[in-house]
Amino acid sequence: MRFKNNLRAGQTSRQIELLPLLNVVFLLIMFLILGAFFMVQPSIKVKIPKVITSDFLTENKFAVTITDDNILFLNGKVATAKDLSQELNKLKDRKITVLIKAGQRTRMGSVVKVWELCRNMGIENINLATTQE
């Protein structure tokens, strides 16, 4: 089977084939769009208690999360009370606000333990995360 070739002997094509180029660009765009759409944001699922009155914090805060299984998280990583103590010692500013995000079924003892640890480090601004009804 012979294909028709419009080139003379010894001559090379100087045209850029646009259709394959457009196909590749289209596939790259689709890959990036779908990749960004399906990207999962890492988060810790905690069902925060609802209250009638609550305020929004806009100041600098340090978040500690305690799950319903009483597992402590700092910056999305599992931690212990010792890890929390070390992180709080690293903070230069003792005026920082510590936000405790605890689930509805979290034991009160775990919340009090974190609260007391913050108070012992000299941090006075400690808040509990809630959602408004």
Protein backbone atom coordinates (compact mmCIF):
# COMPACT_ATOMS: atom_id res chain seq x y z
CA MET A 1 0.00 0.00 0.00
CA ARG A 2 1.46 3.32 -1.06
CA PHE A 3 0.50 6.62 0.56
CA LYS A 4 0.45 9.77 -1.49
CA ASN A 5 3.36 12.01 -0.58
CA ASN A 6 3.30 15.59 -1.78
CA LEU A 7 6.98 16.11 -1.01
CA ARG A 8 9.67 15.88 -3.63
CA ALA A 9 12.68 13.69 -3.07
CA GLY A 10 15.02 15.15 -0.41
CA GLN A 11 12.52 17.76 0.76
CA THR A 12 11.25 17.90 4.38
CA SER A 13 7.94 19.19 5.68
CA ARG A 14 8.11 22.65 7.24
CA GLN A 15 4.53 22.78 8.43
CA ILE A 16 3.45 22.09 11.98
CA GLU A 17 0.65 19.62 12.22
CA LEU A 18 -1.99 21.40 14.35
CA LEU A 19 -4.46 18.60 14.92
CA PRO A 20 -2.12 16.35 16.98
CA LEU A 21 -0.89 19.41 18.88
CA LEU A 22 -4.46 20.46 19.71
CA ASN A 23 -5.29 16.90 20.81
CA VAL A 24 -2.37 16.85 23.22
CA VAL A 25 -3.21 20.31 24.62
CA PHE A 26 -6.86 19.32 25.05
CA LEU A 27 -5.90 16.12 26.89
CA LEU A 28 -3.53 18.04 29.18
CA ILE A 29 -6.22 20.58 30.03
CA MET A 30 -8.76 17.82 30.74
CA PHE A 31 -6.23 15.97 32.91
CA LEU A 32 -5.49 19.09 34.97
CA ILE A 33 -9.17 20.00 35.38
CA LEU A 34 -10.21 16.49 36.41
CA GLY A 35 -7.17 16.11 38.65
CA ALA A 36 -8.02 19.30 40.51
CA PHE A 37 -11.70 18.33 40.73
CA PHE A 38 -11.05 14.94 42.30
CA MET A 39 -8.27 16.09 44.63
CA VAL A 40 -9.25 15.17 48.18
CA GLN A 41 -8.52 17.74 50.85
CA PRO A 42 -7.12 16.01 53.93
CA SER A 43 -9.27 16.71 56.94
CA ILE A 44 -10.29 15.20 60.22
CA LYS A 45 -14.00 14.51 60.52
CA VAL A 46 -15.32 15.88 63.81
CA LYS A 47 -18.99 16.59 64.43
CA ILE A 48 -18.79 19.82 66.44
CA PRO A 49 -21.53 20.55 69.00
CA LYS A 50 -24.19 23.12 68.09
CA VAL A 51 -25.00 26.10 70.28
CA ILE A 52 -27.36 29.03 70.00
CA THR A 53 -24.75 31.73 70.63
CA SER A 54 -21.21 31.64 69.33
CA ASP A 55 -18.60 34.11 68.07
CA PHE A 56 -16.28 33.90 65.09
CA LEU A 57 -12.55 33.94 65.76
CA THR A 58 -10.58 36.13 63.39
CA GLU A 59 -7.35 36.35 65.35
CA ASN A 60 -4.26 34.16 65.15
CA LYS A 61 -5.11 30.70 66.44
CA PHE A 62 -3.52 27.32 67.09
CA ALA A 63 -5.98 24.47 66.45
CA VAL A 64 -6.07 21.21 68.40
CA THR A 65 -8.55 18.55 67.24
CA ILE A 66 -9.89 15.74 69.42
CA THR A 67 -11.98 13.11 67.62
CA ASP A 68 -14.92 11.17 69.05
CA ASP A 69 -12.45 8.33 69.69
CA ASN A 70 -10.37 10.72 71.86
CA ILE A 71 -7.48 10.85 69.38
CA LEU A 72 -5.52 14.12 69.46
CA PHE A 73 -4.47 15.83 66.22
CA LEU A 74 -2.09 18.75 65.64
CA ASN A 75 -1.94 20.18 62.13
CA GLY A 76 -3.66 17.09 60.74
CA LYS A 77 -1.22 14.62 62.32
CA VAL A 78 -1.86 12.27 65.21
CA ALA A 79 -0.17 13.56 68.35
CA THR A 80 0.13 12.92 72.07
CA ALA A 81 -0.09 15.30 75.02
CA LYS A 82 3.72 15.40 75.02
CA ASP A 83 3.72 16.49 71.35
CA LEU A 84 1.19 19.21 72.17
CA SER A 85 3.34 20.40 75.05
CA GLN A 86 6.42 20.61 72.78
CA GLU A 87 4.49 22.54 70.11
CA LEU A 88 3.15 25.00 72.66
CA ASN A 89 6.67 25.52 74.03
CA LYS A 90 7.85 26.43 70.52
CA LEU A 91 5.32 29.25 70.33
CA LYS A 92 6.95 32.58 71.00
CA ASP A 93 3.68 34.46 71.40
CA ARG A 94 1.79 33.48 74.56
CA LYS A 95 -1.10 35.72 73.44
CA ILE A 96 -2.04 33.23 70.74
CA THR A 97 -5.54 31.75 70.81
CA VAL A 98 -5.80 27.98 71.11
CA LEU A 99 -8.91 26.54 69.46
CA ILE A 100 -9.99 23.11 70.69
CA LYS A 101 -12.14 21.26 68.15
CA ALA A 102 -13.76 18.38 70.00
CA GLY A 103 -16.46 16.05 68.73
CA GLN A 104 -19.87 15.72 70.38
CA ARG A 105 -18.97 12.31 71.78
CA THR A 106 -15.46 13.21 72.93
CA ARG A 107 -14.83 12.49 76.60
CA MET A 108 -14.78 15.62 78.71
CA GLY A 109 -11.59 14.39 80.37
CA SER A 110 -9.67 14.65 77.08
CA VAL A 111 -10.84 18.22 76.51
CA VAL A 112 -9.98 19.22 80.08
CA LYS A 113 -6.54 17.61 79.76
CA VAL A 114 -5.74 19.71 76.67
CA TRP A 115 -7.24 22.82 78.31
CA GLU A 116 -5.14 22.34 81.45
CA LEU A 117 -1.99 21.73 79.41
CA CYS A 118 -2.52 25.05 77.61
CA ARG A 119 -3.12 26.90 80.88
CA ASN A 120 0.06 25.41 82.38
CA MET A 121 2.01 26.73 79.37
CA GLY A 122 0.80 30.25 80.14
CA ILE A 123 -1.78 30.50 77.36
CA GLU A 124 -4.88 32.36 78.50
CA ASN A 125 -6.97 32.49 75.31
CA ILE A 126 -8.48 29.02 74.93
CA ASN A 127 -11.70 28.47 72.97
CA LEU A 128 -13.94 25.53 72.11
CA ALA A 129 -15.11 25.22 68.49
CA THR A 130 -18.90 25.07 68.03
CA THR A 131 -21.36 25.59 65.20
CA GLN A 132 -24.29 27.94 65.40
CA GLU A 133 -27.85 26.56 65.23
